[in-house]
Amino acid sequence: MQLQKHHLLYFGPVAVLIEWIGLGVMWRYYPNFNPNNAISTITMAPAPWPQFFGVTLTLVGITYGLFTLPLRAYSPYVPLIGLIAGIAFVLTGWIPFSGNGGVVDVVHNISSLVAVVSYTAIIALMQKHPKQRISHASKTIYYLLLFGVVLSFASLYAVHRFVALIQLFLLALIQTWTIIVVWHELKSSGATE
């Protein structure tokens, strides 16, 4: 990979930072946060919370998409899947979710699922990365994500407990992988020295 393309890798940690700041603000200041509900129920809250959620996910979708561009050196499909994930994440942020199972909830859930599956596909493609630490991290996080997605749907549709906490677990896995990739890519290029 060319060193001049490494500057786009910095968008990975920027996406992680935007997401955690947004979640922190919502967790701290949104008065009706409930860990047993999906995080997306904030889209039904009074203004400015739905707009804040939508803007946060839009910024994350864009920055994460930019982060995936230099990863085309390892798989030509990663940027395309990153674009799909970003668009799905933006839609997830703006389509309301009441949790009552209506048509709009189904569309919201489909866009959310497409985003998670796309992020998981990127990680799956990176399992054959030439850097062993990135390859191992991709394999481990890929299987944890599969387990987390099953757990998330079980908690959302069957148990109705800890939905938000499981969603945070999935986000943390994707973000941990992002930081590992950025760190090892920049380290190998000499950009961290």
N, C-alpha and C. Protein backbone atom coordinates (compact mmCIF):
# COMPACT_ATOMS: atom_id res chain seq x y z
N MET A 1 0.86 -1.18 0.00
CA MET A 1 0.00 0.00 0.00
C MET A 1 0.90 1.24 0.00
N GLN A 2 0.53 2.23 -0.78
CA GLN A 2 1.29 3.46 -0.86
C GLN A 2 1.08 4.30 0.40
N LEU A 3 2.15 4.94 0.86
CA LEU A 3 2.08 5.75 2.07
C LEU A 3 1.08 6.89 1.92
N GLN A 4 0.95 7.49 0.73
CA GLN A 4 0.03 8.62 0.58
C GLN A 4 -1.43 8.21 0.81
N LYS A 5 -1.76 6.94 0.69
CA LYS A 5 -3.13 6.50 0.93
C LYS A 5 -3.40 6.26 2.41
N HIS A 6 -2.37 6.24 3.23
CA HIS A 6 -2.55 5.96 4.65
C HIS A 6 -3.32 7.06 5.37
N HIS A 7 -3.33 8.27 4.85
CA HIS A 7 -4.05 9.33 5.55
C HIS A 7 -5.54 9.02 5.66
N LEU A 8 -6.09 8.25 4.74
CA LEU A 8 -7.51 7.88 4.82
C LEU A 8 -7.78 6.91 5.97
N LEU A 9 -6.76 6.18 6.41
CA LEU A 9 -6.95 5.27 7.54
C LEU A 9 -7.33 6.02 8.82
N TYR A 10 -6.93 7.27 8.91
CA TYR A 10 -7.26 8.05 10.11
C TYR A 10 -8.77 8.27 10.27
N PHE A 11 -9.52 8.09 9.18
CA PHE A 11 -10.97 8.22 9.29
C PHE A 11 -11.58 7.10 10.12
N GLY A 12 -10.89 5.96 10.26
CA GLY A 12 -11.38 4.88 11.11
C GLY A 12 -11.52 5.31 12.57
N PRO A 13 -10.43 5.79 13.18
CA PRO A 13 -10.55 6.28 14.56
C PRO A 13 -11.49 7.49 14.68
N VAL A 14 -11.57 8.32 13.64
CA VAL A 14 -12.50 9.45 13.68
C VAL A 14 -13.94 8.92 13.76
N ALA A 15 -14.26 7.88 12.98
CA ALA A 15 -15.59 7.28 13.04
C ALA A 15 -15.88 6.73 14.43
N VAL A 16 -14.90 6.04 15.00
CA VAL A 16 -15.05 5.48 16.35
C VAL A 16 -15.29 6.61 17.36
N LEU A 17 -14.52 7.67 17.26
CA LEU A 17 -14.65 8.80 18.18
C LEU A 17 -16.03 9.47 18.04
N ILE A 18 -16.46 9.71 16.82
CA ILE A 18 -17.78 10.33 16.61
C ILE A 18 -18.87 9.45 17.22
N GLU A 19 -18.77 8.16 16.98
CA GLU A 19 -19.81 7.26 17.47
C GLU A 19 -19.86 7.23 18.99
N TRP A 20 -18.70 7.15 19.64
CA TRP A 20 -18.70 7.08 21.11
C TRP A 20 -19.07 8.41 21.74
N ILE A 21 -18.68 9.51 21.13
CA ILE A 21 -19.12 10.82 21.66
C ILE A 21 -20.64 10.93 21.52
N GLY A 22 -21.17 10.55 20.36
CA GLY A 22 -22.61 10.59 20.17
C GLY A 22 -23.34 9.70 21.16
N LEU A 23 -22.86 8.47 21.34
CA LEU A 23 -23.49 7.57 22.30
C LEU A 23 -23.37 8.10 23.72
N GLY A 24 -22.21 8.66 24.04
CA GLY A 24 -22.02 9.22 25.39
C GLY A 24 -22.97 10.37 25.68
N VAL A 25 -23.13 11.24 24.69
CA VAL A 25 -24.06 12.37 24.86
C VAL A 25 -25.48 11.85 25.03
N MET A 26 -25.87 10.89 24.19
CA MET A 26 -27.22 10.34 24.31
C MET A 26 -27.43 9.65 25.65
N TRP A 27 -26.44 8.86 26.06
CA TRP A 27 -26.54 8.12 27.31
C TRP A 27 -26.65 9.08 28.49
N ARG A 28 -25.87 10.15 28.44
CA ARG A 28 -25.82 11.09 29.57
C ARG A 28 -27.02 12.02 29.62
N TYR A 29 -27.46 12.51 28.47
CA TYR A 29 -28.46 13.57 28.46
C TYR A 29 -29.86 13.15 28.01
N TYR A 30 -29.97 12.01 27.35
CA TYR A 30 -31.31 11.56 26.94
C TYR A 30 -31.99 10.97 28.17
N PRO A 31 -33.08 11.57 28.62
CA PRO A 31 -33.66 11.18 29.91
C PRO A 31 -34.33 9.80 29.92
N ASN A 32 -34.72 9.28 28.78
CA ASN A 32 -35.45 8.01 28.76
C ASN A 32 -34.62 6.83 28.27
N PHE A 33 -33.28 6.92 28.40
CA PHE A 33 -32.45 5.81 27.94
C PHE A 33 -32.76 4.57 28.78
N ASN A 34 -32.96 3.44 28.09
CA ASN A 34 -33.26 2.19 28.76
C ASN A 34 -32.41 1.10 28.10
N PRO A 35 -31.53 0.43 28.86
CA PRO A 35 -30.67 -0.60 28.27
C PRO A 35 -31.43 -1.81 27.74
N ASN A 36 -32.71 -1.94 28.07
CA ASN A 36 -33.50 -3.06 27.56
C ASN A 36 -34.16 -2.75 26.22
N ASN A 37 -34.05 -1.52 25.76
CA ASN A 37 -34.60 -1.12 24.46
C ASN A 37 -33.47 -0.96 23.46
N ALA A 38 -33.82 -1.07 22.19
CA ALA A 38 -32.84 -0.81 21.14
C ALA A 38 -32.43 0.66 21.19
N ILE A 39 -31.18 0.93 20.89
CA ILE A 39 -30.67 2.30 20.89
C ILE A 39 -31.49 3.15 19.91
N SER A 40 -31.94 2.54 18.82
CA SER A 40 -32.66 3.25 17.77
C SER A 40 -34.01 3.81 18.20
N THR A 41 -34.52 3.41 19.36
CA THR A 41 -35.80 3.98 19.80
C THR A 41 -35.67 5.48 20.05
N ILE A 42 -34.45 5.98 20.10
CA ILE A 42 -34.25 7.42 20.26
C ILE A 42 -34.79 8.18 19.05
N THR A 43 -34.97 7.48 17.92
CA THR A 43 -35.53 8.15 16.73
C THR A 43 -36.99 8.55 16.93
N MET A 44 -37.62 8.05 17.97
CA MET A 44 -39.01 8.41 18.26
C MET A 44 -39.11 9.43 19.40
N ALA A 45 -37.98 9.87 19.91
CA ALA A 45 -37.95 10.83 21.01
C ALA A 45 -38.27 12.23 20.48
N PRO A 46 -38.56 13.16 21.39
CA PRO A 46 -38.76 14.54 20.94
C PRO A 46 -37.45 15.14 20.40
N ALA A 47 -37.59 16.17 19.58
CA ALA A 47 -36.42 16.87 19.03
C ALA A 47 -35.59 17.39 20.19
N PRO A 48 -34.31 17.43 20.07
CA PRO A 48 -33.43 17.23 18.92
C PRO A 48 -32.84 15.82 18.83
N TRP A 49 -33.32 14.87 19.63
CA TRP A 49 -32.67 13.56 19.71
C TRP A 49 -32.69 12.77 18.41
N PRO A 50 -33.80 12.69 17.69
CA PRO A 50 -33.75 11.95 16.42
C PRO A 50 -32.76 12.57 15.42
N GLN A 51 -32.72 13.90 15.38
CA GLN A 51 -31.79 14.57 14.47
C GLN A 51 -30.34 14.35 14.90
N PHE A 52 -30.10 14.40 16.18
CA PHE A 52 -28.75 14.15 16.71
C PHE A 52 -28.30 12.73 16.35
N PHE A 53 -29.19 11.76 16.53
CA PHE A 53 -28.90 10.37 16.20
C PHE A 53 -28.62 10.23 14.70
N GLY A 54 -29.46 10.85 13.87
CA GLY A 54 -29.29 10.78 12.42
C GLY A 54 -27.98 11.40 11.96
N VAL A 55 -27.66 12.57 12.50
CA VAL A 55 -26.40 13.23 12.12
C VAL A 55 -25.21 12.40 12.57
N THR A 56 -25.28 11.85 13.78
CA THR A 56 -24.18 11.03 14.29
C THR A 56 -23.93 9.83 13.38
N LEU A 57 -24.98 9.11 13.03
CA LEU A 57 -24.81 7.92 12.18
C LEU A 57 -24.41 8.31 10.76
N THR A 58 -24.85 9.46 10.28
CA THR A 58 -24.44 9.94 8.96
C THR A 58 -22.93 10.20 8.94
N LEU A 59 -22.44 10.91 9.95
CA LEU A 59 -21.00 11.20 10.03
C LEU A 59 -20.19 9.91 10.16
N VAL A 60 -20.68 8.97 10.95
CA VAL A 60 -19.97 7.70 11.10
C VAL A 60 -19.97 6.93 9.78
N GLY A 61 -21.10 6.89 9.10
CA GLY A 61 -21.17 6.19 7.82
C GLY A 61 -20.20 6.76 6.79
N ILE A 62 -20.10 8.07 6.73
CA ILE A 62 -19.19 8.73 5.78
C ILE A 62 -17.74 8.47 6.15
N THR A 63 -17.39 8.69 7.41
CA THR A 63 -15.99 8.53 7.82
C THR A 63 -15.53 7.08 7.73
N TYR A 64 -16.42 6.14 8.07
CA TYR A 64 -16.03 4.73 7.98
C TYR A 64 -15.86 4.32 6.52
N GLY A 65 -16.71 4.86 5.64
CA GLY A 65 -16.56 4.59 4.21
C GLY A 65 -15.22 5.09 3.69
N LEU A 66 -14.80 6.27 4.12
CA LEU A 66 -13.48 6.80 3.72
C LEU A 66 -12.35 5.93 4.27
N PHE A 67 -12.53 5.42 5.48
CA PHE A 67 -11.53 4.54 6.10
C PHE A 67 -11.30 3.28 5.26
N THR A 68 -12.37 2.76 4.63
CA THR A 68 -12.24 1.50 3.89
C THR A 68 -11.55 1.67 2.53
N LEU A 69 -11.44 2.89 2.02
CA LEU A 69 -10.86 3.09 0.68
C LEU A 69 -9.45 2.52 0.53
N PRO A 70 -8.51 2.79 1.44
CA PRO A 70 -7.17 2.22 1.23
C PRO A 70 -7.11 0.71 1.42
N LEU A 71 -8.14 0.11 2.00
CA LEU A 71 -8.14 -1.34 2.21
C LEU A 71 -8.41 -2.10 0.92
N ARG A 72 -8.67 -1.37 -0.16
CA ARG A 72 -8.84 -2.02 -1.47
C ARG A 72 -7.55 -2.70 -1.89
N ALA A 73 -6.43 -2.32 -1.32
CA ALA A 73 -5.16 -2.97 -1.63
C ALA A 73 -5.19 -4.44 -1.22
N TYR A 74 -6.07 -4.81 -0.30
CA TYR A 74 -6.15 -6.19 0.18
C TYR A 74 -7.36 -6.92 -0.36
N SER A 75 -8.39 -6.20 -0.74
CA SER A 75 -9.56 -6.79 -1.39
C SER A 75 -10.28 -5.67 -2.13
N PRO A 76 -10.53 -5.87 -3.43
CA PRO A 76 -11.19 -4.81 -4.19
C PRO A 76 -12.64 -4.58 -3.77
N TYR A 77 -13.20 -5.50 -3.00
CA TYR A 77 -14.61 -5.39 -2.59
C TYR A 77 -14.81 -4.55 -1.33
N VAL A 78 -13.76 -4.35 -0.55
CA VAL A 78 -13.90 -3.66 0.74
C VAL A 78 -14.49 -2.25 0.59
N PRO A 79 -14.00 -1.40 -0.32
CA PRO A 79 -14.60 -0.06 -0.43
C PRO A 79 -16.07 -0.09 -0.86
N LEU A 80 -16.43 -1.01 -1.76
CA LEU A 80 -17.82 -1.12 -2.18
C LEU A 80 -18.70 -1.55 -1.00
N ILE A 81 -18.25 -2.52 -0.26
CA ILE A 81 -19.01 -2.97 0.91
C ILE A 81 -19.04 -1.87 1.97
N GLY A 82 -17.94 -1.11 2.08
CA GLY A 82 -17.92 0.03 3.00
C GLY A 82 -18.94 1.09 2.61
N LEU A 83 -19.12 1.31 1.31
CA LEU A 83 -20.13 2.25 0.82
C LEU A 83 -21.54 1.74 1.16
N ILE A 84 -21.77 0.47 0.94
CA ILE A 84 -23.08 -0.13 1.27
C ILE A 84 -23.34 -0.02 2.77
N ALA A 85 -22.33 -0.34 3.57
CA ALA A 85 -22.48 -0.25 5.03
C ALA A 85 -22.76 1.19 5.45
N GLY A 86 -22.05 2.13 4.86
CA GLY A 86 -22.25 3.54 5.21
C GLY A 86 -23.66 4.02 4.87
N ILE A 87 -24.14 3.67 3.69
CA ILE A 87 -25.50 4.07 3.29
C ILE A 87 -26.53 3.43 4.23
N ALA A 88 -26.34 2.15 4.53
CA ALA A 88 -27.27 1.47 5.44
C ALA A 88 -27.25 2.08 6.83
N PHE A 89 -26.06 2.48 7.28
CA PHE A 89 -25.93 3.09 8.60
C PHE A 89 -26.63 4.46 8.63
N VAL A 90 -26.48 5.22 7.54
CA VAL A 90 -27.17 6.51 7.44
C VAL A 90 -28.69 6.30 7.48
N LEU A 91 -29.18 5.34 6.73
CA LEU A 91 -30.61 5.05 6.73
C LEU A 91 -31.09 4.63 8.12
N THR A 92 -30.28 3.83 8.80
CA THR A 92 -30.61 3.41 10.17
C THR A 92 -30.77 4.62 11.07
N GLY A 93 -29.95 5.63 10.87
CA GLY A 93 -30.00 6.83 11.71
C GLY A 93 -31.22 7.70 11.46
N TRP A 94 -31.77 7.65 10.25
CA TRP A 94 -32.86 8.56 9.91
C TRP A 94 -34.23 7.91 9.82
N ILE A 95 -34.29 6.59 9.67
CA ILE A 95 -35.59 5.91 9.62
C ILE A 95 -36.06 5.66 11.05
N PRO A 96 -37.23 6.14 11.41
CA PRO A 96 -37.70 5.98 12.79
C PRO A 96 -37.89 4.51 13.18
N PHE A 97 -37.67 4.25 14.45
CA PHE A 97 -37.84 2.91 15.01
C PHE A 97 -38.61 3.02 16.31
N SER A 98 -39.83 2.48 16.33
CA SER A 98 -40.65 2.56 17.54
C SER A 98 -40.51 1.33 18.41
N GLY A 99 -40.10 0.21 17.82
CA GLY A 99 -40.02 -1.04 18.57
C GLY A 99 -41.34 -1.79 18.60
N ASN A 100 -42.35 -1.29 17.87
CA ASN A 100 -43.66 -1.93 17.86
C ASN A 100 -43.86 -2.89 16.70
N GLY A 101 -42.86 -3.02 15.84
CA GLY A 101 -42.93 -4.00 14.76
C GLY A 101 -43.69 -3.57 13.52
N GLY A 102 -43.92 -2.29 13.33
CA GLY A 102 -44.61 -1.81 12.14
C GLY A 102 -43.74 -1.90 10.90
N VAL A 103 -44.30 -1.48 9.77
CA VAL A 103 -43.59 -1.54 8.49
C VAL A 103 -42.31 -0.70 8.54
N VAL A 104 -42.38 0.48 9.13
CA VAL A 104 -41.20 1.34 9.21
C VAL A 104 -40.13 0.70 10.08
N ASP A 105 -40.54 0.01 11.15
CA ASP A 105 -39.58 -0.71 11.99
C ASP A 105 -38.87 -1.80 11.19
N VAL A 106 -39.60 -2.47 10.33
CA VAL A 106 -38.99 -3.53 9.51
C VAL A 106 -37.95 -2.93 8.57
N VAL A 107 -38.28 -1.81 7.94
CA VAL A 107 -37.32 -1.15 7.04
C VAL A 107 -36.09 -0.70 7.84
N HIS A 108 -36.32 -0.14 9.02
CA HIS A 108 -35.21 0.27 9.89
C HIS A 108 -34.33 -0.94 10.24
N ASN A 109 -34.97 -2.04 10.63
CA ASN A 109 -34.21 -3.24 11.01
C ASN A 109 -33.43 -3.81 9.83
N ILE A 110 -34.02 -3.75 8.64
CA ILE A 110 -33.31 -4.25 7.46
C ILE A 110 -32.07 -3.40 7.19
N SER A 111 -32.21 -2.08 7.27
CA SER A 111 -31.04 -1.23 7.02
C SER A 111 -29.99 -1.43 8.11
N SER A 112 -30.41 -1.62 9.34
CA SER A 112 -29.47 -1.88 10.42
C SER A 112 -28.75 -3.21 10.20
N LEU A 113 -29.51 -4.23 9.80
CA LEU A 113 -28.93 -5.54 9.54
C LEU A 113 -27.95 -5.48 8.37
N VAL A 114 -28.31 -4.76 7.31
CA VAL A 114 -27.40 -4.62 6.15
C VAL A 114 -26.10 -3.95 6.59
N ALA A 115 -26.19 -2.94 7.46
CA ALA A 115 -24.98 -2.27 7.95
C ALA A 115 -24.10 -3.25 8.72
N VAL A 116 -24.68 -3.98 9.66
CA VAL A 116 -23.89 -4.91 10.47
C VAL A 116 -23.31 -6.04 9.61
N VAL A 117 -24.12 -6.58 8.70
CA VAL A 117 -23.63 -7.65 7.82
C VAL A 117 -22.51 -7.11 6.92
N SER A 118 -22.64 -5.89 6.45
CA SER A 118 -21.60 -5.30 5.60
C SER A 118 -20.30 -5.10 6.38
N TYR A 119 -20.41 -4.56 7.59
CA TYR A 119 -19.20 -4.41 8.41
C TYR A 119 -18.57 -5.77 8.69
N THR A 120 -19.41 -6.77 8.95
CA THR A 120 -18.91 -8.12 9.19
C THR A 120 -18.25 -8.68 7.93
N ALA A 121 -18.82 -8.40 6.76
CA ALA A 121 -18.22 -8.87 5.50
C ALA A 121 -16.85 -8.24 5.27
N ILE A 122 -16.70 -6.96 5.61
CA ILE A 122 -15.39 -6.32 5.48
C ILE A 122 -14.38 -7.04 6.36
N ILE A 123 -14.77 -7.31 7.59
CA ILE A 123 -13.87 -8.00 8.52
C ILE A 123 -13.57 -9.41 8.01
N ALA A 124 -14.57 -10.09 7.45
CA ALA A 124 -14.35 -11.43 6.90
C ALA A 124 -13.35 -11.39 5.75
N LEU A 125 -13.46 -10.39 4.88
CA LEU A 125 -12.52 -10.26 3.76
C LEU A 125 -11.09 -10.00 4.24
N MET A 126 -10.98 -9.36 5.38
CA MET A 126 -9.64 -9.03 5.89
C MET A 126 -9.01 -10.18 6.67
N GLN A 127 -9.66 -11.34 6.75
CA GLN A 127 -9.08 -12.49 7.42
C GLN A 127 -7.84 -13.00 6.70
N LYS A 128 -7.73 -12.68 5.41
CA LYS A 128 -6.57 -13.13 4.64
C LYS A 128 -5.54 -12.02 4.49
N HIS A 129 -5.60 -11.05 5.38
CA HIS A 129 -4.65 -9.93 5.35
C HIS A 129 -3.23 -10.47 5.54
N PRO A 130 -2.25 -9.93 4.84
CA PRO A 130 -0.87 -10.43 4.98
C PRO A 130 -0.24 -10.16 6.35
N LYS A 131 -0.73 -9.16 7.06
CA LYS A 131 -0.20 -8.90 8.40
C LYS A 131 -0.92 -9.83 9.37
N GLN A 132 -0.15 -10.65 10.06
CA GLN A 132 -0.70 -11.70 10.89
C GLN A 132 -1.62 -11.17 11.99
N ARG A 133 -1.26 -10.06 12.61
CA ARG A 133 -2.09 -9.54 13.70
C ARG A 133 -3.45 -9.06 13.20
N ILE A 134 -3.47 -8.46 12.03
CA ILE A 134 -4.74 -8.03 11.45
C ILE A 134 -5.55 -9.26 11.04
N SER A 135 -4.90 -10.25 10.47
CA SER A 135 -5.58 -11.48 10.07
C SER A 135 -6.19 -12.18 11.29
N HIS A 136 -5.42 -12.33 12.36
CA HIS A 136 -5.93 -12.99 13.57
C HIS A 136 -7.05 -12.19 14.22
N ALA A 137 -6.87 -10.88 14.29
CA ALA A 137 -7.93 -10.03 14.87
C ALA A 137 -9.20 -10.13 14.03
N SER A 138 -9.06 -10.16 12.72
CA SER A 138 -10.22 -10.25 11.83
C SER A 138 -10.97 -11.57 12.06
N LYS A 139 -10.23 -12.67 12.18
CA LYS A 139 -10.87 -13.97 12.42
C LYS A 139 -11.60 -13.99 13.75
N THR A 140 -10.96 -13.55 14.79
CA THR A 140 -11.56 -13.57 16.12
C THR A 140 -12.79 -12.68 16.18
N ILE A 141 -12.67 -11.46 15.71
CA ILE A 141 -13.78 -10.51 15.78
C ILE A 141 -14.92 -10.93 14.86
N TYR A 142 -14.59 -11.56 13.73
CA TYR A 142 -15.63 -12.05 12.83
C TYR A 142 -16.54 -13.04 13.55
N TYR A 143 -15.95 -14.02 14.24
CA TYR A 143 -16.76 -15.01 14.94
C TYR A 143 -17.50 -14.40 16.13
N LEU A 144 -16.89 -13.47 16.81
CA LEU A 144 -17.59 -12.79 17.91
C LEU A 144 -18.78 -11.97 17.37
N LEU A 145 -18.60 -11.36 16.21
CA LEU A 145 -19.70 -10.61 15.60
C LEU A 145 -20.86 -11.52 15.22
N LEU A 146 -20.55 -12.67 14.64
CA LEU A 146 -21.62 -13.60 14.29
C LEU A 146 -22.40 -14.01 15.55
N PHE A 147 -21.69 -14.31 16.60
CA PHE A 147 -22.33 -14.65 17.87
C PHE A 147 -23.15 -13.47 18.39
N GLY A 148 -22.59 -12.28 18.32
CA GLY A 148 -23.26 -11.08 18.81
C GLY A 148 -24.53 -10.74 18.04
N VAL A 149 -24.50 -10.95 16.71
CA VAL A 149 -25.69 -10.68 15.89
C VAL A 149 -26.82 -11.63 16.28
N VAL A 150 -26.50 -12.91 16.45
CA VAL A 150 -27.52 -13.89 16.88
C VAL A 150 -28.06 -13.49 18.25
N LEU A 151 -27.18 -13.14 19.16
CA LEU A 151 -27.57 -12.72 20.50
C LEU A 151 -28.44 -11.46 20.45
N SER A 152 -28.08 -10.53 19.58
CA SER A 152 -28.83 -9.29 19.45
C SER A 152 -30.26 -9.55 19.00
N PHE A 153 -30.42 -10.37 17.97
CA PHE A 153 -31.77 -10.66 17.49
C PHE A 153 -32.56 -11.47 18.51
N ALA A 154 -31.89 -12.36 19.22
CA ALA A 154 -32.59 -13.12 20.27
C ALA A 154 -33.07 -12.18 21.37
N SER A 155 -32.24 -11.23 21.75
CA SER A 155 -32.65 -10.32 22.82
C SER A 155 -33.71 -9.33 22.34
N LEU A 156 -33.64 -8.95 21.07
CA LEU A 156 -34.60 -7.99 20.53
C LEU A 156 -35.98 -8.61 20.35
N TYR A 157 -36.02 -9.84 19.86
CA TYR A 157 -37.30 -10.44 19.51
C TYR A 157 -37.81 -11.49 20.50
N ALA A 158 -36.95 -12.03 21.34
CA ALA A 158 -37.40 -13.09 22.24
C ALA A 158 -37.36 -12.68 23.70
N VAL A 159 -36.22 -12.28 24.18
CA VAL A 159 -36.05 -12.02 25.60
C VAL A 159 -36.37 -10.58 26.01
N HIS A 160 -36.14 -9.65 25.11
CA HIS A 160 -36.40 -8.23 25.37
C HIS A 160 -35.58 -7.70 26.55
N ARG A 161 -34.36 -8.16 26.68
CA ARG A 161 -33.49 -7.72 27.76
C ARG A 161 -32.14 -7.31 27.18
N PHE A 162 -31.58 -6.29 27.72
CA PHE A 162 -30.20 -5.87 27.43
C PHE A 162 -29.93 -5.62 25.95
N VAL A 163 -30.93 -5.22 25.20
CA VAL A 163 -30.77 -5.01 23.77
C VAL A 163 -29.70 -3.96 23.48
N ALA A 164 -29.78 -2.81 24.15
CA ALA A 164 -28.82 -1.73 23.91
C ALA A 164 -27.41 -2.16 24.29
N LEU A 165 -27.26 -2.90 25.36
CA LEU A 165 -25.93 -3.35 25.78
C LEU A 165 -25.32 -4.31 24.76
N ILE A 166 -26.13 -5.18 24.20
CA ILE A 166 -25.62 -6.10 23.17
C ILE A 166 -25.26 -5.32 21.91
N GLN A 167 -26.07 -4.32 21.56
CA GLN A 167 -25.74 -3.48 20.40
C GLN A 167 -24.42 -2.75 20.63
N LEU A 168 -24.19 -2.27 21.85
CA LEU A 168 -22.91 -1.63 22.17
C LEU A 168 -21.76 -2.61 22.06
N PHE A 169 -21.99 -3.87 22.44
CA PHE A 169 -20.98 -4.92 22.30
C PHE A 169 -20.60 -5.10 20.83
N LEU A 170 -21.60 -5.14 19.94
CA LEU A 170 -21.33 -5.28 18.51
C LEU A 170 -20.53 -4.08 17.99
N LEU A 171 -20.94 -2.88 18.39
CA LEU A 171 -20.21 -1.68 17.97
C LEU A 171 -18.78 -1.72 18.47
N ALA A 172 -18.59 -2.14 19.70
CA ALA A 172 -17.24 -2.20 20.28
C ALA A 172 -16.36 -3.19 19.51
N LEU A 173 -16.93 -4.30 19.08
CA LEU A 173 -16.15 -5.27 18.29
C LEU A 173 -15.69 -4.66 16.97
N ILE A 174 -16.61 -4.02 16.26
CA ILE A 174 -16.26 -3.41 14.98
C ILE A 174 -15.23 -2.31 15.18
N GLN A 175 -15.40 -1.53 16.22
CA GLN A 175 -14.48 -0.43 16.47
C GLN A 175 -13.11 -0.91 16.93
N THR A 176 -13.08 -1.99 17.71
CA THR A 176 -11.79 -2.57 18.12
C THR A 176 -11.02 -3.04 16.90
N TRP A 177 -11.72 -3.71 16.00
CA TRP A 177 -11.08 -4.17 14.77
C TRP A 177 -10.53 -2.99 13.97
N THR A 178 -11.31 -1.92 13.88
CA THR A 178 -10.90 -0.73 13.15
C THR A 178 -9.60 -0.18 13.70
N ILE A 179 -9.52 -0.05 15.01
CA ILE A 179 -8.32 0.50 15.65
C ILE A 179 -7.13 -0.44 15.43
N ILE A 180 -7.33 -1.75 15.50
CA ILE A 180 -6.24 -2.70 15.26
C ILE A 180 -5.70 -2.55 13.84
N VAL A 181 -6.60 -2.46 12.87
CA VAL A 181 -6.17 -2.31 11.47
C VAL A 181 -5.40 -1.01 11.28
N VAL A 182 -5.94 0.08 11.79
CA VAL A 182 -5.28 1.38 11.62
C VAL A 182 -3.90 1.35 12.28
N TRP A 183 -3.84 0.87 13.49
CA TRP A 183 -2.56 0.86 14.22
C TRP A 183 -1.51 0.05 13.46
N HIS A 184 -1.83 -1.16 13.04
CA HIS A 184 -0.84 -2.00 12.38
C HIS A 184 -0.51 -1.54 10.97
N GLU A 185 -1.47 -0.97 10.27
CA GLU A 185 -1.17 -0.42 8.94
C GLU A 185 -0.24 0.78 9.05
N LEU A 186 -0.55 1.68 9.97
CA LEU A 186 0.29 2.87 10.12
C LEU A 186 1.65 2.51 10.70
N LYS A 187 1.68 1.58 11.60
CA LYS A 187 2.95 1.14 12.20
C LYS A 187 3.87 0.54 11.14
N SER A 188 3.31 -0.29 10.26
CA SER A 188 4.14 -0.92 9.23
C SER A 188 4.61 0.08 8.18
N SER A 189 3.88 1.18 8.03
CA SER A 189 4.30 2.17 7.04
C SER A 189 5.29 3.19 7.63
N GLY A 190 5.47 3.11 8.94
CA GLY A 190 6.36 4.06 9.59
C GLY A 190 5.69 5.36 9.97
N ALA A 191 4.39 5.47 9.79
CA ALA A 191 3.67 6.71 10.07
C ALA A 191 3.49 6.96 11.57
N THR A 192 3.67 5.92 12.42
CA THR A 192 3.50 6.11 13.86
C THR A 192 4.81 6.39 14.56
N GLU A 193 5.89 6.39 13.83
CA GLU A 193 7.20 6.60 14.48
C GLU A 193 7.56 8.05 14.56
